[in-house]
Amino acid sequence: MIGYGPTGATLANLLGARGWRVDAFDRAPDVYAQPRAVHFDDEIMRLWQQLDIVQPLSPALTEVRGMDMLNADGQMIFQYTAPPSPGPLGWPLGFMFYQPDVERALRAAALRYPAVRAHLGVEVTAVEATPEGNAVVTTLGAGGPEEWRARVAVGCCGARSLTRASMGVSLFDYGAHQPWIVLDLLFPTDPGLPAVTVQYCDPRRPSTYVPMPGLRRRFEIMLMPGDDVATATSEAQIARWLERWVAPGSYTIERAAVYTFHCLVAERWRQGPLVIAGDAAHQMPPFLGQGLCSGARDAANLAWKLDMVLRGTADASVLDTYQEEREAHVRTLIETDMYLGGIIQTTDPAVARERDRLALSNGAPTSLTPEPPPIGGSLCSNGPRDRRPFPQPVAADGTRFDASLGDGFALVGTIAPSMKATRVLEALGARHVPTIPDALRSWFEEVGARGVVVRPDRVVLAAVADTNALDHALAPVAHYLKPGALRS
């Protein structure tokens, strides 16, 4: 594993739980001590639930309450209000967090697995594939250069990924590059700022306010033509950026940095035993708060496929479905992010006025109701709820339904598999959960299903009405299974 940030540490936990040896390398001696990502959603909280890090994280989280988008006159033009929790995945729809806390929790959780070893303060200098189809990683640490051989090398090594460069992979560029200054502030007491995120869609200077846990608050200020980047993070200039919200001297500057938001997707995510994930594979603006989430989804998607390949259950070609599935999801998020960014970042007063008119055409702010996109690829069926996360009801005693599913595949419902389907499900190590919770009955009725195949990453492979449909739904997965994995 090259890179031990959130994506790499998530993947290390998922593989460690499956018994695999993981050597993770990171050139930094400790987690990056300042906030970067600040939001994750309910799907990722569900993943943290699977990794059993919810309890240590919970005190450091703030539930997302919503987002207001204001025009130059301070009038609300768009609004998102968080629905009552828990949501359909068993958790509130979003959380604000302090990234070092998440990284420390992930690394501490990985220590449970003796086969997961972190090599911190060690730089990876080369990543190569051998003619035999293995990976060779060369590192430089205090003891000098070392060479490590592995069956797979996963590059979770960020936007300037050495692994991606070693694969000779180019980036698809959406052509959206906008510099912003990001300011993370610490206050001695509650500063009395809004409890929701606020997008100031003012063409004179688009800006963002983000409430964070505790006494941290973030401001993001769009840099305009003529701004002096060299002085943008000086204390005096920061005071000018913030004077409309907070008084100089009322806060401590934890971090001030100029970031250029990019929209990029790697053209290829796998080359033999070399694979990339997280920012190495895709980069997006922060408006939807999906950067860290996307890397964690990469890890969840990749982990069970790597497990099947390493165990000899599936052919290595199943790893090609990783990009097929994740790229479609990521591109939809990036394009939605760009659309939202266009609403926020417009600097043309005439365009802004027309935006405001359309947003208020019904006499009230336009309500934002984000809908997570489905994954792509050919493994899943195409029913109305396939390719999306399976719901997770919460029982009266607080038990979440995933506890019944286990960590692998599951067949939920009353359907009786054929012998053909049984062979495939056994090869997948699937658990049968025949009892449908009352809270899921309306979901089953809505999609007309008697059975649902849920993948280890909690994505619905297929919701089926009968045995023949189940046979058909399992065929794409069975295609990748090695003959020896299927009992006669």
Protein backbone atom coordinates (compact mmCIF):
# COMPACT_ATOMS: atom_id res chain seq x y z
CA MET A 1 0.00 0.00 0.00
CA ILE A 2 1.56 3.27 -1.11
CA GLY A 3 0.04 6.04 1.00
CA TYR A 4 -1.59 5.62 4.41
CA GLY A 5 -4.13 8.39 4.44
CA PRO A 6 -7.90 7.76 4.75
CA THR A 7 -8.17 5.68 1.57
CA GLY A 8 -5.10 3.56 2.27
CA ALA A 9 -5.97 3.05 5.94
CA THR A 10 -9.54 2.07 5.07
CA LEU A 11 -8.30 -0.51 2.57
CA ALA A 12 -5.71 -1.78 5.06
CA ASN A 13 -8.49 -2.38 7.62
CA LEU A 14 -10.72 -4.16 5.13
CA LEU A 15 -7.94 -6.43 3.91
CA GLY A 16 -6.56 -7.01 7.41
CA ALA A 17 -10.00 -8.13 8.56
CA ARG A 18 -9.93 -10.70 5.78
CA GLY A 19 -6.57 -12.01 6.99
CA TRP A 20 -4.24 -10.53 4.37
CA ARG A 21 -0.80 -9.16 5.05
CA VAL A 22 -0.66 -5.49 4.24
CA ASP A 23 2.47 -3.35 4.27
CA ALA A 24 1.52 0.32 4.14
CA PHE A 25 4.12 2.99 3.38
CA ASP A 26 3.81 6.69 4.04
CA ARG A 27 6.60 9.24 3.91
CA ALA A 28 5.08 11.27 6.76
CA PRO A 29 5.96 10.05 10.27
CA ASP A 30 2.42 10.70 11.55
CA VAL A 31 -0.99 11.74 10.31
CA TYR A 32 -1.19 15.17 8.73
CA ALA A 33 -1.99 17.33 11.74
CA GLN A 34 -4.33 19.81 10.06
CA PRO A 35 -7.84 19.48 8.60
CA ARG A 36 -8.32 18.94 4.89
CA ALA A 37 -11.53 17.02 4.14
CA VAL A 38 -14.31 18.02 6.55
CA HIS A 39 -17.38 16.01 5.47
CA PHE A 40 -18.43 12.42 5.04
CA ASP A 41 -21.86 10.95 4.40
CA ASP A 42 -24.03 8.15 5.76
CA GLU A 43 -22.61 5.57 3.37
CA ILE A 44 -19.14 6.19 4.78
CA MET A 45 -20.40 6.16 8.36
CA ARG A 46 -21.84 2.75 7.56
CA LEU A 47 -18.38 1.70 6.39
CA TRP A 48 -16.85 3.03 9.63
CA GLN A 49 -19.51 0.95 11.41
CA GLN A 50 -18.18 -2.12 9.59
CA LEU A 51 -14.64 -1.20 10.69
CA ASP A 52 -15.86 -0.68 14.28
CA ILE A 53 -14.53 2.86 14.64
CA VAL A 54 -17.85 4.65 15.22
CA GLN A 55 -17.47 4.77 18.98
CA PRO A 56 -14.02 6.43 19.08
CA LEU A 57 -15.09 8.84 16.33
CA SER A 58 -18.51 9.88 17.60
CA PRO A 59 -17.39 12.50 20.16
CA ALA A 60 -15.50 14.34 17.43
CA LEU A 61 -18.37 14.50 14.91
CA THR A 62 -21.08 17.05 14.22
CA GLU A 63 -24.21 16.01 12.36
CA VAL A 64 -24.84 18.01 9.17
CA ARG A 65 -27.93 20.17 9.54
CA GLY A 66 -28.11 21.65 6.08
CA MET A 67 -26.77 24.18 3.61
CA ASP A 68 -28.02 27.65 2.71
CA MET A 69 -27.05 29.37 -0.53
CA LEU A 70 -27.35 33.15 -0.43
CA ASN A 71 -27.14 35.66 -3.25
CA ALA A 72 -25.35 39.01 -3.20
CA ASP A 73 -28.27 40.60 -1.31
CA GLY A 74 -28.22 37.92 1.38
CA GLN A 75 -31.41 36.36 0.02
CA MET A 76 -31.63 32.57 0.18
CA ILE A 77 -31.83 31.12 -3.34
CA PHE A 78 -31.16 27.43 -2.70
CA GLN A 79 -31.49 25.41 0.48
CA TYR A 80 -30.75 21.91 1.69
CA THR A 81 -32.24 20.85 5.01
CA ALA A 82 -31.08 17.55 6.46
CA PRO A 83 -33.98 15.12 6.91
CA PRO A 84 -34.74 13.45 10.23
CA SER A 85 -32.20 10.84 11.24
CA PRO A 86 -31.44 8.07 10.99
CA GLY A 87 -31.68 8.00 7.21
CA PRO A 88 -32.21 4.92 5.02
CA LEU A 89 -28.66 3.70 5.62
CA GLY A 90 -29.05 3.71 9.38
CA TRP A 91 -27.23 6.97 10.09
CA PRO A 92 -27.71 10.72 9.65
CA LEU A 93 -27.10 11.73 6.05
CA GLY A 94 -23.89 13.64 6.76
CA PHE A 95 -21.25 14.51 9.32
CA MET A 96 -18.63 17.22 9.72
CA PHE A 97 -15.36 16.01 11.17
CA TYR A 98 -11.72 16.80 11.87
CA GLN A 99 -9.62 14.69 9.50
CA PRO A 100 -6.73 13.87 11.86
CA ASP A 101 -9.26 12.24 14.21
CA VAL A 102 -10.52 9.95 11.43
CA GLU A 103 -7.02 9.01 10.32
CA ARG A 104 -5.92 8.20 13.86
CA ALA A 105 -9.03 6.06 14.42
CA LEU A 106 -8.43 4.17 11.18
CA ARG A 107 -4.79 3.53 11.99
CA ALA A 108 -5.59 2.45 15.54
CA ALA A 109 -8.21 0.04 14.20
CA ALA A 110 -5.69 -1.47 11.79
CA LEU A 111 -3.45 -2.39 14.74
CA ARG A 112 -5.99 -5.09 15.60
CA TYR A 113 -4.66 -7.09 12.67
CA PRO A 114 -1.11 -8.42 13.20
CA ALA A 115 -0.65 -8.80 9.44
CA VAL A 116 -1.14 -5.04 8.85
CA ARG A 117 2.13 -3.18 9.23
CA ALA A 118 2.57 0.56 8.80
CA HIS A 119 5.96 1.88 7.68
CA LEU A 120 5.85 5.59 8.51
CA GLY A 121 8.51 8.09 7.57
CA VAL A 122 9.39 5.82 4.64
CA GLU A 123 9.33 7.16 1.09
CA VAL A 124 8.39 4.99 -1.87
CA THR A 125 10.80 5.75 -4.69
CA ALA A 126 9.63 3.26 -7.33
CA VAL A 127 6.67 1.01 -8.11
CA GLU A 128 6.98 -1.58 -10.85
CA ALA A 129 5.28 -4.69 -12.22
CA THR A 130 7.40 -7.78 -12.80
CA PRO A 131 7.13 -9.99 -15.91
CA GLU A 132 5.62 -12.66 -13.65
CA GLY A 133 2.71 -10.36 -12.77
CA ASN A 134 3.76 -9.32 -9.27
CA ALA A 135 4.62 -5.87 -7.91
CA VAL A 136 7.95 -4.52 -6.66
CA VAL A 137 7.98 -1.48 -4.39
CA THR A 138 11.28 0.26 -3.63
CA THR A 139 11.42 2.35 -0.45
CA LEU A 140 13.89 4.69 1.21
CA GLY A 141 13.81 4.92 4.99
CA ALA A 142 16.23 5.44 7.86
CA GLY A 143 17.85 2.08 7.11
CA GLY A 144 18.45 2.92 3.46
CA PRO A 145 16.76 1.55 0.34
CA GLU A 146 14.69 -1.65 0.49
CA GLU A 147 12.81 -3.69 -2.07
CA TRP A 148 9.41 -5.21 -1.31
CA ARG A 149 7.60 -7.79 -3.42
CA ALA A 150 3.84 -8.14 -3.36
CA ARG A 151 1.03 -9.72 -5.34
CA VAL A 152 -0.66 -6.33 -5.65
CA ALA A 153 0.47 -2.74 -5.03
CA VAL A 154 -2.29 -0.21 -4.44
CA GLY A 155 -1.36 3.44 -4.86
CA CYS A 156 -3.37 5.60 -2.47
CA CYS A 157 -0.66 8.19 -2.86
CA GLY A 158 -2.58 11.35 -3.62
CA ALA A 159 -2.92 13.78 -6.49
CA ARG A 160 0.77 13.56 -7.48
CA SER A 161 0.64 9.76 -7.40
CA LEU A 162 3.94 7.99 -8.05
CA THR A 163 1.97 4.79 -8.72
CA ARG A 164 -0.11 6.47 -11.41
CA ALA A 165 3.03 7.91 -12.99
CA SER A 166 4.69 4.48 -12.89
CA MET A 167 1.70 3.08 -14.78
CA GLY A 168 2.09 5.78 -17.43
CA VAL A 169 -1.50 6.88 -16.91
CA SER A 170 -2.77 10.25 -18.09
CA LEU A 171 -5.59 12.26 -16.54
CA PHE A 172 -8.86 13.26 -18.14
CA ASP A 173 -9.21 16.95 -17.34
CA TYR A 174 -12.67 18.52 -17.20
CA GLY A 175 -10.97 21.90 -17.52
CA ALA A 176 -12.23 23.32 -14.22
CA HIS A 177 -9.38 24.87 -12.23
CA GLN A 178 -10.24 27.54 -9.68
CA PRO A 179 -8.01 28.81 -6.85
CA TRP A 180 -9.56 29.39 -3.44
CA ILE A 181 -8.03 30.29 -0.10
CA VAL A 182 -9.01 27.83 2.66
CA LEU A 183 -8.95 29.15 6.23
CA ASP A 184 -9.34 26.90 9.26
CA LEU A 185 -9.93 28.84 12.47
CA LEU A 186 -10.05 27.97 16.17
CA PHE A 187 -12.20 30.08 18.48
CA PRO A 188 -11.84 30.26 22.29
CA THR A 189 -15.64 30.25 22.71
CA ASP A 190 -18.65 29.68 20.49
CA PRO A 191 -18.42 32.41 17.82
CA GLY A 192 -22.18 32.45 17.23
CA LEU A 193 -21.86 31.60 13.54
CA PRO A 194 -24.50 29.60 11.62
CA ALA A 195 -25.03 25.92 12.43
CA VAL A 196 -25.38 25.10 8.72
CA THR A 197 -22.95 25.45 5.83
CA VAL A 198 -23.47 28.72 3.98
CA GLN A 199 -22.55 29.34 0.35
CA TYR A 200 -22.27 33.05 -0.37
CA CYS A 201 -23.06 33.15 -4.10
CA ASP A 202 -21.93 36.74 -4.51
CA PRO A 203 -20.37 37.42 -7.93
CA ARG A 204 -18.13 40.02 -6.32
CA ARG A 205 -16.45 37.35 -4.14
CA PRO A 206 -17.96 33.83 -3.85
CA SER A 207 -17.27 32.41 -0.38
CA THR A 208 -18.15 29.45 1.82
CA TYR A 209 -18.62 29.05 5.55
CA VAL A 210 -18.42 25.55 7.09
CA PRO A 211 -19.32 24.70 10.72
CA MET A 212 -16.95 22.08 12.11
CA PRO A 213 -16.96 20.10 15.36
CA GLY A 214 -16.19 21.91 18.58
CA LEU A 215 -14.81 25.41 18.19
CA ARG A 216 -13.35 24.97 14.70
CA ARG A 217 -14.81 26.83 11.74
CA ARG A 218 -13.74 26.91 8.09
CA PHE A 219 -13.99 29.71 5.55
CA GLU A 220 -13.22 29.31 1.86
CA ILE A 221 -12.72 32.46 -0.20
CA MET A 222 -12.56 32.38 -4.00
CA LEU A 223 -9.56 34.19 -5.40
CA MET A 224 -10.35 36.68 -8.14
CA PRO A 225 -8.32 38.05 -11.05
CA GLY A 226 -5.91 40.62 -9.67
CA ASP A 227 -5.60 39.05 -6.23
CA ASP A 228 -2.03 38.71 -5.01
CA VAL A 229 -1.59 35.00 -4.24
CA ALA A 230 1.72 35.71 -2.54
CA THR A 231 0.01 37.77 0.20
CA ALA A 232 -3.33 35.94 0.25
CA THR A 233 -2.45 34.04 3.42
CA SER A 234 -0.84 36.91 5.32
CA GLU A 235 -2.43 37.68 8.68
CA ALA A 236 -3.47 41.15 7.57
CA GLN A 237 -5.09 39.89 4.39
CA ILE A 238 -6.86 37.08 6.24
CA ALA A 239 -8.35 39.66 8.60
CA ARG A 240 -9.68 41.53 5.56
CA TRP A 241 -11.10 38.33 4.03
CA LEU A 242 -12.98 37.56 7.25
CA GLU A 243 -14.04 40.99 8.50
CA ARG A 244 -17.66 40.55 7.36
CA TRP A 245 -18.03 37.52 9.66
CA VAL A 246 -15.59 37.71 12.59
CA ALA A 247 -13.52 40.37 14.31
CA PRO A 248 -9.71 40.35 14.00
CA GLY A 249 -8.07 38.76 17.01
CA SER A 250 -11.15 36.70 17.93
CA TYR A 251 -9.67 33.51 16.48
CA THR A 252 -6.47 31.56 15.96
CA ILE A 253 -5.51 30.62 12.44
CA GLU A 254 -4.96 26.87 12.38
CA ARG A 255 -4.32 26.69 8.65
CA ALA A 256 -4.32 29.07 5.72
CA ALA A 257 -3.62 27.68 2.27
CA VAL A 258 -4.38 28.41 -1.35
CA TYR A 259 -5.90 25.44 -3.15
CA THR A 260 -6.79 25.08 -6.79
CA PHE A 261 -9.86 22.89 -7.14
CA HIS A 262 -9.46 20.40 -9.99
CA CYS A 263 -11.80 18.01 -11.82
CA LEU A 264 -9.67 15.09 -12.98
CA VAL A 265 -10.11 11.36 -13.58
CA ALA A 266 -7.31 8.90 -14.36
CA GLU A 267 -7.74 7.19 -17.72
CA ARG A 268 -6.74 3.80 -16.29
CA TRP A 269 -6.97 2.62 -12.67
CA ARG A 270 -5.32 -0.79 -13.00
CA GLN A 271 -2.34 -2.16 -14.86
CA GLY A 272 -1.63 -5.76 -13.93
CA PRO A 273 -0.71 -5.85 -10.23
CA LEU A 274 -0.66 -2.02 -9.94
CA VAL A 275 -3.88 -0.28 -8.88
CA ILE A 276 -4.70 3.30 -7.90
CA ALA A 277 -7.40 4.64 -5.57
CA GLY A 278 -8.53 7.89 -3.97
CA ASP A 279 -6.97 11.14 -5.19
CA ALA A 280 -4.53 9.14 -7.31
CA ALA A 281 -7.52 8.07 -9.43
CA HIS A 282 -9.80 11.13 -9.25
CA GLN A 283 -9.98 14.68 -7.92
CA MET A 284 -13.03 16.87 -7.48
CA PRO A 285 -14.08 20.24 -6.01
CA PRO A 286 -15.27 20.37 -2.38
CA PHE A 287 -18.81 21.64 -2.90
CA LEU A 288 -20.48 18.23 -2.41
CA GLY A 289 -17.97 17.10 0.23
CA GLN A 290 -17.33 13.84 -1.64
CA GLY A 291 -13.55 13.69 -2.02
CA LEU A 292 -12.77 11.56 1.03
CA CYS A 293 -16.03 9.65 0.56
CA SER A 294 -15.03 8.66 -2.95
CA GLY A 295 -11.67 7.31 -1.80
CA ALA A 296 -13.36 5.29 0.95
CA ARG A 297 -15.82 3.86 -1.60
CA ASP A 298 -12.87 2.90 -3.79
CA ALA A 299 -11.42 0.94 -0.88
CA ALA A 300 -14.73 -0.78 -0.10
CA ASN A 301 -15.19 -1.76 -3.75
CA LEU A 302 -11.64 -2.97 -4.21
CA ALA A 303 -11.25 -4.89 -0.95
CA TRP A 304 -13.69 -7.74 -1.61
CA LYS A 305 -12.51 -8.16 -5.19
CA LEU A 306 -8.87 -8.33 -4.11
CA ASP A 307 -9.88 -10.86 -1.46
CA MET A 308 -11.52 -13.11 -4.06
CA VAL A 309 -8.50 -12.91 -6.36
CA LEU A 310 -5.94 -13.49 -3.61
CA ARG A 311 -7.88 -16.49 -2.33
CA GLY A 312 -7.99 -17.97 -5.80
CA THR A 313 -11.79 -17.79 -5.92
CA ALA A 314 -11.93 -15.34 -8.83
CA ASP A 315 -9.86 -14.52 -11.87
CA ALA A 316 -7.77 -11.35 -11.65
CA SER A 317 -9.86 -9.83 -14.44
CA VAL A 318 -12.59 -9.15 -11.86
CA LEU A 319 -10.38 -6.25 -10.74
CA ASP A 320 -11.20 -4.51 -14.01
CA THR A 321 -14.77 -4.10 -12.75
CA TYR A 322 -13.38 -1.83 -10.01
CA GLN A 323 -12.81 1.04 -12.44
CA GLU A 324 -15.97 0.30 -14.43
CA GLU A 325 -18.09 0.62 -11.31
CA ARG A 326 -16.31 3.41 -9.48
CA GLU A 327 -15.48 5.66 -12.43
CA ALA A 328 -19.14 5.99 -13.43
CA HIS A 329 -20.03 7.00 -9.87
CA VAL A 330 -17.11 9.41 -9.56
CA ARG A 331 -17.79 11.11 -12.90
CA THR A 332 -21.42 11.73 -11.96
CA LEU A 333 -20.28 13.29 -8.68
CA ILE A 334 -17.68 15.45 -10.43
CA GLU A 335 -20.18 16.67 -13.01
CA THR A 336 -22.73 17.44 -10.28
CA ASP A 337 -19.99 19.19 -8.30
CA MET A 338 -19.12 21.27 -11.34
CA TYR A 339 -22.77 22.21 -11.80
CA LEU A 340 -23.06 23.26 -8.17
CA GLY A 341 -19.73 25.06 -8.45
CA GLY A 342 -21.06 26.96 -11.44
CA ILE A 343 -23.99 28.20 -9.36
CA ILE A 344 -21.68 29.27 -6.54
CA GLN A 345 -18.71 30.59 -8.47
CA THR A 346 -20.29 32.74 -11.17
CA THR A 347 -18.73 36.21 -11.25
CA ASP A 348 -20.93 37.66 -13.99
CA PRO A 349 -23.62 39.87 -12.37
CA ALA A 350 -26.06 39.28 -15.24
CA VAL A 351 -25.67 35.50 -14.98
CA ALA A 352 -26.08 35.74 -11.20
CA ARG A 353 -29.32 37.74 -11.56
CA GLU A 354 -30.76 35.16 -13.95
CA ARG A 355 -29.68 32.38 -11.58
CA ASP A 356 -31.46 34.11 -8.72
CA ARG A 357 -34.60 34.65 -10.79
CA LEU A 358 -34.83 30.98 -11.75
CA ALA A 359 -34.08 29.79 -8.22
CA LEU A 360 -36.86 31.97 -6.79
CA SER A 361 -39.35 31.50 -9.63
CA ASN A 362 -41.76 29.62 -7.38
CA GLY A 363 -41.68 32.33 -4.73
CA ALA A 364 -39.34 30.44 -2.42
CA PRO A 365 -35.76 29.12 -2.47
CA THR A 366 -35.20 26.05 -4.61
CA SER A 367 -34.92 22.98 -2.39
CA LEU A 368 -31.87 20.81 -2.97
CA THR A 369 -32.48 17.06 -2.62
CA PRO A 370 -29.25 15.28 -3.54
CA GLU A 371 -29.61 11.72 -4.85
CA PRO A 372 -26.49 9.52 -4.66
CA PRO A 373 -25.63 8.13 -8.11
CA PRO A 374 -25.53 4.40 -8.90
CA ILE A 375 -22.30 2.58 -9.65
CA GLY A 376 -21.57 1.51 -13.22
CA GLY A 377 -20.30 -1.68 -14.79
CA SER A 378 -21.85 -5.03 -15.64
CA LEU A 379 -21.73 -6.96 -12.34
CA CYS A 380 -25.01 -5.60 -10.99
CA SER A 381 -28.50 -5.84 -12.44
CA ASN A 382 -30.37 -2.76 -13.63
CA GLY A 383 -33.43 -2.69 -11.39
CA PRO A 384 -34.61 0.61 -9.87
CA ARG A 385 -32.66 0.09 -6.62
CA ASP A 386 -29.81 -2.06 -7.93
CA ARG A 387 -26.30 -0.54 -8.01
CA ARG A 388 -27.10 1.55 -4.92
CA PRO A 389 -26.57 0.93 -1.20
CA PHE A 390 -28.99 -1.52 0.42
CA PRO A 391 -31.05 0.12 3.20
CA GLN A 392 -30.02 -0.50 6.79
CA PRO A 393 -32.90 -0.29 9.29
CA VAL A 394 -32.20 0.31 12.95
CA ALA A 395 -34.06 -1.80 15.51
CA ALA A 396 -35.64 -0.34 18.63
CA ASP A 397 -32.67 -1.53 20.69
CA GLY A 398 -30.26 0.32 18.39
CA THR A 399 -29.07 -2.78 16.51
CA ARG A 400 -28.34 -2.05 12.86
CA PHE A 401 -29.29 -4.60 10.23
CA ASP A 402 -25.76 -5.00 8.84
CA ALA A 403 -24.98 -7.06 11.92
CA SER A 404 -27.15 -9.76 10.33
CA LEU A 405 -25.39 -9.57 6.97
CA GLY A 406 -21.84 -10.34 8.07
CA ASP A 407 -18.88 -8.92 6.16
CA GLY A 408 -19.38 -10.74 2.86
CA PHE A 409 -22.15 -11.38 0.35
CA ALA A 410 -25.66 -11.93 1.65
CA LEU A 411 -28.95 -13.11 0.21
CA VAL A 412 -31.81 -11.40 2.04
CA GLY A 413 -35.36 -12.62 1.60
CA THR A 414 -37.63 -15.62 1.34
CA ILE A 415 -36.53 -16.74 -2.11
CA ALA A 416 -35.22 -20.33 -2.40
CA PRO A 417 -32.10 -20.43 -4.63
CA SER A 418 -31.78 -23.05 -7.35
CA MET A 419 -28.92 -25.53 -7.19
CA LYS A 420 -27.09 -23.40 -9.76
CA ALA A 421 -27.49 -20.25 -7.66
CA THR A 422 -26.60 -22.14 -4.49
CA ARG A 423 -23.25 -23.16 -5.97
CA VAL A 424 -22.43 -19.56 -6.84
CA LEU A 425 -23.58 -18.22 -3.47
CA GLU A 426 -21.51 -20.83 -1.65
CA ALA A 427 -18.45 -19.93 -3.72
CA LEU A 428 -19.02 -16.30 -2.74
CA GLY A 429 -19.36 -17.28 0.93
CA ALA A 430 -22.79 -15.66 0.98
CA ARG A 431 -24.92 -15.67 4.11
CA HIS A 432 -28.66 -16.30 3.74
CA VAL A 433 -30.86 -14.01 5.82
CA PRO A 434 -34.38 -15.36 5.27
CA THR A 435 -36.25 -13.00 7.59
CA ILE A 436 -37.14 -9.62 6.12
CA PRO A 437 -37.34 -6.95 8.86
CA ASP A 438 -40.64 -5.12 9.01
CA ALA A 439 -38.80 -1.88 8.23
CA LEU A 440 -37.70 -3.34 4.86
CA ARG A 441 -41.00 -4.82 3.74
CA SER A 442 -42.15 -1.70 1.91
CA TRP A 443 -38.77 -1.52 0.14
CA PHE A 444 -39.13 -5.15 -1.02
CA GLU A 445 -42.71 -4.49 -2.16
CA GLU A 446 -41.73 -1.34 -4.01
CA VAL A 447 -39.14 -3.18 -6.13
CA GLY A 448 -41.24 -6.33 -6.39
CA ALA A 449 -38.54 -8.50 -4.83
CA ARG A 450 -38.56 -11.72 -2.83
CA GLY A 451 -34.79 -11.76 -2.56
CA VAL A 452 -31.92 -9.27 -2.65
CA VAL A 453 -28.25 -10.08 -3.20
CA VAL A 454 -26.15 -7.63 -1.19
CA ARG A 455 -22.43 -7.30 -1.89
CA PRO A 456 -19.73 -6.93 0.78
CA ASP A 457 -19.63 -3.17 0.07
CA ARG A 458 -23.41 -3.12 0.83
CA VAL A 459 -24.30 -2.33 -2.78
CA VAL A 460 -27.38 -4.11 -4.14
CA LEU A 461 -26.20 -6.62 -6.76
CA ALA A 462 -29.78 -7.48 -7.67
CA ALA A 463 -33.30 -7.41 -6.27
CA VAL A 464 -35.13 -10.40 -7.77
CA ALA A 465 -38.67 -11.75 -7.80
CA ASP A 466 -38.06 -15.41 -8.56
CA THR A 467 -35.48 -18.17 -8.85
CA ASN A 468 -34.85 -17.67 -12.56
CA ALA A 469 -34.16 -13.98 -12.00
CA LEU A 470 -31.69 -14.88 -9.24
CA ASP A 471 -29.85 -17.29 -11.57
CA HIS A 472 -29.64 -14.56 -14.20
CA ALA A 473 -28.49 -11.93 -11.69
CA LEU A 474 -25.64 -14.10 -10.41
CA ALA A 475 -24.32 -14.97 -13.87
CA PRO A 476 -22.06 -11.88 -14.26
CA VAL A 477 -20.34 -12.63 -10.94
CA ALA A 478 -20.14 -16.35 -11.69
CA HIS A 479 -18.32 -15.45 -14.92
CA TYR A 480 -15.26 -14.40 -12.87
CA LEU A 481 -15.26 -17.40 -10.53
CA LYS A 482 -12.60 -20.01 -11.15
CA PRO A 483 -13.93 -23.51 -11.92
CA GLY A 484 -12.47 -24.91 -8.71
CA ALA A 485 -14.48 -22.45 -6.64
CA LEU A 486 -17.76 -24.03 -7.70
CA ARG A 487 -18.60 -27.36 -6.11
CA SER A 488 -20.02 -29.96 -8.44
